[in-house]
């Protein structure tokens, strides 16, 4: 199911990519990062433990491709998985001052106690004015056994560089919803049911090194989430997340 969905989603992007002639290959961007917690959409994916990762991002014309591998530290949320690889194929285009992007991402888990892999389709728009960037989008995972139904994530964010300094401030909000076929599996991405999340953070960039600190929070009910082991209820709430990144 997962691999069929991945190929189907990729084929949807092909006409978009074909409409934009390729240019010379850009140099891939490579980075390594160490986070105090691998946190996505306000939920810990590493059980509240330190998580190293490595990633690569490349473009050719309108086509964008990226890969990231992350240590999950035998995550309860993902059935004891030790790592996840996120593989993304996307395309972007400009419509006036707005950048539009579409993508398909496969999340591939290593060491999980069940078939945890799943696929998401995503789309978004961003607008930059001076030091300020605004963005909004949606990510949709079609119904899959691994996540107990389907999952829709709506999100919006903003970031602004502080003029004359290496500092950037960031903020974002999101909401996860979907249809539940298997409540125990759906708790992976929606512990306790539909929920909202938020993030406020700051970054400092000095050459290839980025330091960041985020406050992330959710309105997940720990009591409701505690009914399902995959919800990892203890790690579905507010926390501070620190990170250091080195880019090549």
Protein backbone atom coordinates (compact mmCIF):
# COMPACT_ATOMS: atom_id res chain seq x y z
CA UNK A 1 0.00 0.00 0.00
CA UNK A 2 2.75 2.46 0.98
CA UNK A 3 4.92 1.94 -2.10
CA UNK A 4 1.93 2.10 -4.48
CA UNK A 5 0.84 5.38 -2.90
CA UNK A 6 4.36 6.77 -3.19
CA UNK A 7 4.56 6.00 -6.92
CA UNK A 8 1.06 7.37 -7.51
CA UNK A 9 1.89 10.62 -5.74
CA UNK A 10 5.17 10.98 -7.62
CA UNK A 11 3.33 10.58 -10.94
CA UNK A 12 1.05 13.46 -9.96
CA UNK A 13 4.10 15.73 -9.71
CA UNK A 14 5.60 14.69 -13.06
CA UNK A 15 3.50 17.07 -15.23
CA UNK A 16 4.46 19.99 -12.98
CA UNK A 17 8.16 19.19 -13.26
CA UNK A 18 7.96 18.62 -17.02
CA UNK A 19 6.49 22.08 -17.50
CA UNK A 20 9.74 23.67 -16.22
CA UNK A 21 12.96 23.09 -18.20
CA UNK A 22 15.91 21.96 -16.11
CA UNK A 23 18.83 24.31 -15.49
CA UNK A 24 22.37 23.47 -14.45
CA UNK A 25 22.54 21.24 -11.40
CA UNK A 26 22.77 23.26 -8.21
CA UNK A 27 25.23 22.15 -5.56
CA UNK A 28 23.39 19.98 -2.99
CA UNK A 29 23.00 21.41 0.48
CA UNK A 30 24.11 18.97 3.19
CA UNK A 31 23.71 19.31 6.93
CA UNK A 32 24.06 17.48 10.22
CA UNK A 33 22.06 18.40 13.29
CA UNK A 34 21.74 17.51 16.95
CA UNK A 35 18.39 18.16 18.64
CA UNK A 36 17.49 17.78 22.30
CA UNK A 37 14.30 16.13 20.99
CA UNK A 38 13.10 15.13 17.51
CA UNK A 39 9.85 17.06 17.66
CA UNK A 40 7.30 17.23 14.84
CA UNK A 41 3.95 18.98 15.04
CA UNK A 42 4.45 19.35 18.79
CA UNK A 43 4.97 15.60 19.31
CA UNK A 44 8.22 13.95 20.31
CA UNK A 45 9.40 11.32 17.83
CA UNK A 46 12.42 10.36 19.93
CA UNK A 47 10.79 9.81 23.31
CA UNK A 48 12.11 13.09 24.68
CA UNK A 49 15.72 12.01 24.07
CA UNK A 50 18.57 13.66 22.15
CA UNK A 51 18.39 12.92 18.43
CA UNK A 52 21.13 13.32 15.79
CA UNK A 53 20.22 13.61 12.10
CA UNK A 54 21.73 14.19 8.66
CA UNK A 55 20.08 15.60 5.55
CA UNK A 56 20.61 16.55 1.93
CA UNK A 57 18.62 18.87 -0.36
CA UNK A 58 19.08 19.31 -4.12
CA UNK A 59 17.29 21.13 -6.93
CA UNK A 60 17.26 20.94 -10.71
CA UNK A 61 15.04 23.45 -12.41
CA UNK A 62 11.64 23.22 -10.73
CA UNK A 63 12.40 19.83 -9.22
CA UNK A 64 13.35 19.53 -5.55
CA UNK A 65 14.53 16.38 -3.80
CA UNK A 66 15.61 15.79 -0.24
CA UNK A 67 16.47 13.03 2.17
CA UNK A 68 16.85 13.01 5.94
CA UNK A 69 17.75 10.25 8.35
CA UNK A 70 16.96 10.70 12.05
CA UNK A 71 17.69 8.67 15.17
CA UNK A 72 14.42 7.90 17.00
CA UNK A 73 15.96 6.15 20.02
CA UNK A 74 13.54 3.18 20.03
CA UNK A 75 10.56 5.52 19.95
CA UNK A 76 7.37 4.28 21.63
CA UNK A 77 5.37 6.41 19.17
CA UNK A 78 6.70 4.39 16.25
CA UNK A 79 6.71 0.91 17.71
CA UNK A 80 10.30 0.91 18.97
CA UNK A 81 11.79 2.24 15.71
CA UNK A 82 15.44 3.19 15.99
CA UNK A 83 15.46 5.54 13.01
CA UNK A 84 13.35 7.09 10.25
CA UNK A 85 14.30 8.10 6.73
CA UNK A 86 12.25 10.90 5.14
CA UNK A 87 12.48 10.90 1.34
CA UNK A 88 10.83 13.78 -0.51
CA UNK A 89 10.29 14.65 -4.17
CA UNK A 90 8.75 18.03 -4.92
CA UNK A 91 8.32 20.83 -7.42
CA UNK A 92 8.07 24.60 -7.05
CA UNK A 93 7.01 27.53 -9.17
CA UNK A 94 6.57 31.29 -8.82
CA UNK A 95 3.19 32.96 -9.24
CA UNK A 96 3.90 36.65 -8.95
CA UNK A 97 5.60 37.19 -5.58
CA UNK A 98 4.34 33.87 -4.17
CA UNK A 99 6.28 30.60 -4.29
CA UNK A 100 4.07 27.50 -4.63
CA UNK A 101 5.35 24.03 -3.77
CA UNK A 102 4.00 20.49 -4.05
CA UNK A 103 5.67 17.35 -2.71
CA UNK A 104 5.34 13.71 -1.80
CA UNK A 105 7.18 12.27 1.20
CA UNK A 106 7.76 8.69 2.22
CA UNK A 107 8.50 8.07 5.92
CA UNK A 108 10.45 4.80 6.20
CA UNK A 109 11.07 3.39 9.69
CA UNK A 110 13.82 1.02 10.75
CA UNK A 111 13.38 -1.32 13.71
CA UNK A 112 9.64 -0.79 14.27
CA UNK A 113 7.61 -3.66 15.69
CA UNK A 114 5.08 -3.38 12.84
CA UNK A 115 4.91 -2.01 9.29
CA UNK A 116 5.18 1.65 10.28
CA UNK A 117 6.00 3.21 6.88
CA UNK A 118 3.57 5.76 5.45
CA UNK A 119 3.29 8.39 2.71
CA UNK A 120 2.18 12.04 2.77
CA UNK A 121 1.26 14.52 0.04
CA UNK A 122 1.95 18.18 0.74
CA UNK A 123 1.46 21.62 -0.73
CA UNK A 124 2.13 25.15 0.40
CA UNK A 125 2.73 28.78 -0.45
CA UNK A 126 5.27 31.26 0.84
CA UNK A 127 5.72 35.01 0.49
CA UNK A 128 8.79 37.06 1.37
CA UNK A 129 8.85 40.79 2.05
CA UNK A 130 12.19 42.12 3.22
CA UNK A 131 13.30 40.16 6.30
CA UNK A 132 9.84 38.63 6.80
CA UNK A 133 8.66 35.34 5.33
CA UNK A 134 5.10 34.04 5.63
CA UNK A 135 4.01 30.53 4.72
CA UNK A 136 0.95 28.28 4.88
CA UNK A 137 0.17 24.80 3.67
CA UNK A 138 -1.31 21.37 4.17
CA UNK A 139 0.04 17.82 4.42
CA UNK A 140 -2.27 14.89 3.79
CA UNK A 141 -1.57 11.22 4.47
CA UNK A 142 -4.14 9.08 2.64
CA UNK A 143 -5.74 6.25 4.58
CA UNK A 144 -3.05 3.68 5.47
CA UNK A 145 -2.96 0.83 7.97
CA UNK A 146 0.25 2.17 9.52
CA UNK A 147 -1.49 5.32 10.76
CA UNK A 148 -4.96 3.89 11.40
CA UNK A 149 -6.84 5.98 8.85
CA UNK A 150 -5.96 9.23 7.12
CA UNK A 151 -4.39 12.40 8.51
CA UNK A 152 -4.62 16.06 7.48
CA UNK A 153 -2.26 18.67 8.89
CA UNK A 154 -2.95 22.38 8.25
CA UNK A 155 -0.26 24.86 9.21
CA UNK A 156 0.88 28.48 8.96
CA UNK A 157 4.03 30.22 10.10
CA UNK A 158 6.19 33.31 9.96
CA UNK A 159 9.83 34.15 10.45
CA UNK A 160 11.65 37.47 10.55
CA UNK A 161 15.31 38.32 10.62
CA UNK A 162 16.29 41.03 13.09
CA UNK A 163 17.96 43.71 10.88
CA UNK A 164 21.69 44.06 11.41
CA UNK A 165 21.95 40.94 13.58
CA UNK A 166 22.42 37.18 13.05
CA UNK A 167 19.11 36.50 14.86
CA UNK A 168 15.82 35.26 13.43
CA UNK A 169 12.55 34.83 15.30
CA UNK A 170 10.02 32.20 14.26
CA UNK A 171 6.43 31.29 15.08
CA UNK A 172 3.92 28.79 13.76
CA UNK A 173 0.60 27.06 14.43
CA UNK A 174 -0.94 23.86 13.11
CA UNK A 175 -3.94 21.58 13.42
CA UNK A 176 -4.14 17.80 12.87
CA UNK A 177 -7.37 16.04 12.01
CA UNK A 178 -8.53 12.97 10.09
CA UNK A 179 -10.70 9.88 9.87
CA UNK A 180 -9.94 7.06 12.32
CA UNK A 181 -10.18 3.42 11.26
CA UNK A 182 -7.93 2.03 14.00
CA UNK A 183 -7.68 4.21 17.11
CA UNK A 184 -4.55 2.49 18.43
CA UNK A 185 -2.61 3.21 15.22
CA UNK A 186 -4.14 6.68 14.68
CA UNK A 187 -2.70 7.69 18.06
CA UNK A 188 0.76 7.86 16.43
CA UNK A 189 -0.03 11.12 14.66
CA UNK A 190 -3.12 12.24 16.60
CA UNK A 191 -2.71 11.18 20.26
CA UNK A 192 -6.09 11.49 21.97
CA UNK A 193 -7.76 12.63 18.73
CA UNK A 194 -7.64 15.88 16.73
CA UNK A 195 -5.34 18.51 18.23
CA UNK A 196 -3.58 21.83 17.65
CA UNK A 197 0.08 22.71 18.09
CA UNK A 198 2.20 25.86 18.21
CA UNK A 199 5.81 26.92 18.14
CA UNK A 200 7.80 30.04 19.08
CA UNK A 201 11.54 30.07 18.52
CA UNK A 202 14.75 31.94 17.86
CA UNK A 203 17.78 31.12 15.69
CA UNK A 204 21.34 32.45 15.59
CA UNK A 205 23.36 31.90 12.41
CA UNK A 206 27.13 32.27 12.35
CA UNK A 207 28.65 30.97 9.11
CA UNK A 208 27.81 27.29 8.72
CA UNK A 209 26.57 26.94 12.32
CA UNK A 210 22.95 27.52 13.35
CA UNK A 211 21.85 27.48 16.98
CA UNK A 212 18.14 27.34 17.80
CA UNK A 213 15.79 27.20 20.74
CA UNK A 214 12.05 26.54 20.37
CA UNK A 215 9.14 26.39 22.75
CA UNK A 216 6.63 23.89 21.33
CA UNK A 217 3.22 23.06 22.72
CA UNK A 218 -0.01 21.19 22.02
CA UNK A 219 -3.53 20.93 23.41
CA UNK A 220 -3.27 17.12 23.55
CA UNK A 221 -5.01 15.65 26.58
CA UNK A 222 -2.45 13.39 28.28
CA UNK A 223 -5.28 11.53 29.96
CA UNK A 224 -7.01 10.76 26.64
CA UNK A 225 -3.72 9.89 24.93
CA UNK A 226 -2.63 7.53 27.70
CA UNK A 227 -5.13 4.90 26.49
CA UNK A 228 -2.85 4.04 23.55
CA UNK A 229 0.84 3.06 23.80
CA UNK A 230 1.67 4.56 20.37
CA UNK A 231 0.41 7.95 21.57
CA UNK A 232 3.46 8.23 23.88
CA UNK A 233 1.36 10.50 26.08
CA UNK A 234 4.27 11.65 28.26
CA UNK A 235 5.94 13.18 25.22
CA UNK A 236 2.97 14.84 23.54
CA UNK A 237 2.93 18.13 25.45
CA UNK A 238 4.80 21.39 25.98
CA UNK A 239 8.59 21.49 26.01
CA UNK A 240 11.73 23.43 25.08
CA UNK A 241 13.76 22.03 22.18
CA UNK A 242 17.36 23.08 21.57
CA UNK A 243 19.28 22.37 18.38
CA UNK A 244 22.65 22.92 16.77
CA UNK A 245 23.19 22.50 13.02
CA UNK A 246 26.26 22.50 10.82
CA UNK A 247 25.75 23.09 7.07
CA UNK A 248 28.22 22.11 4.35
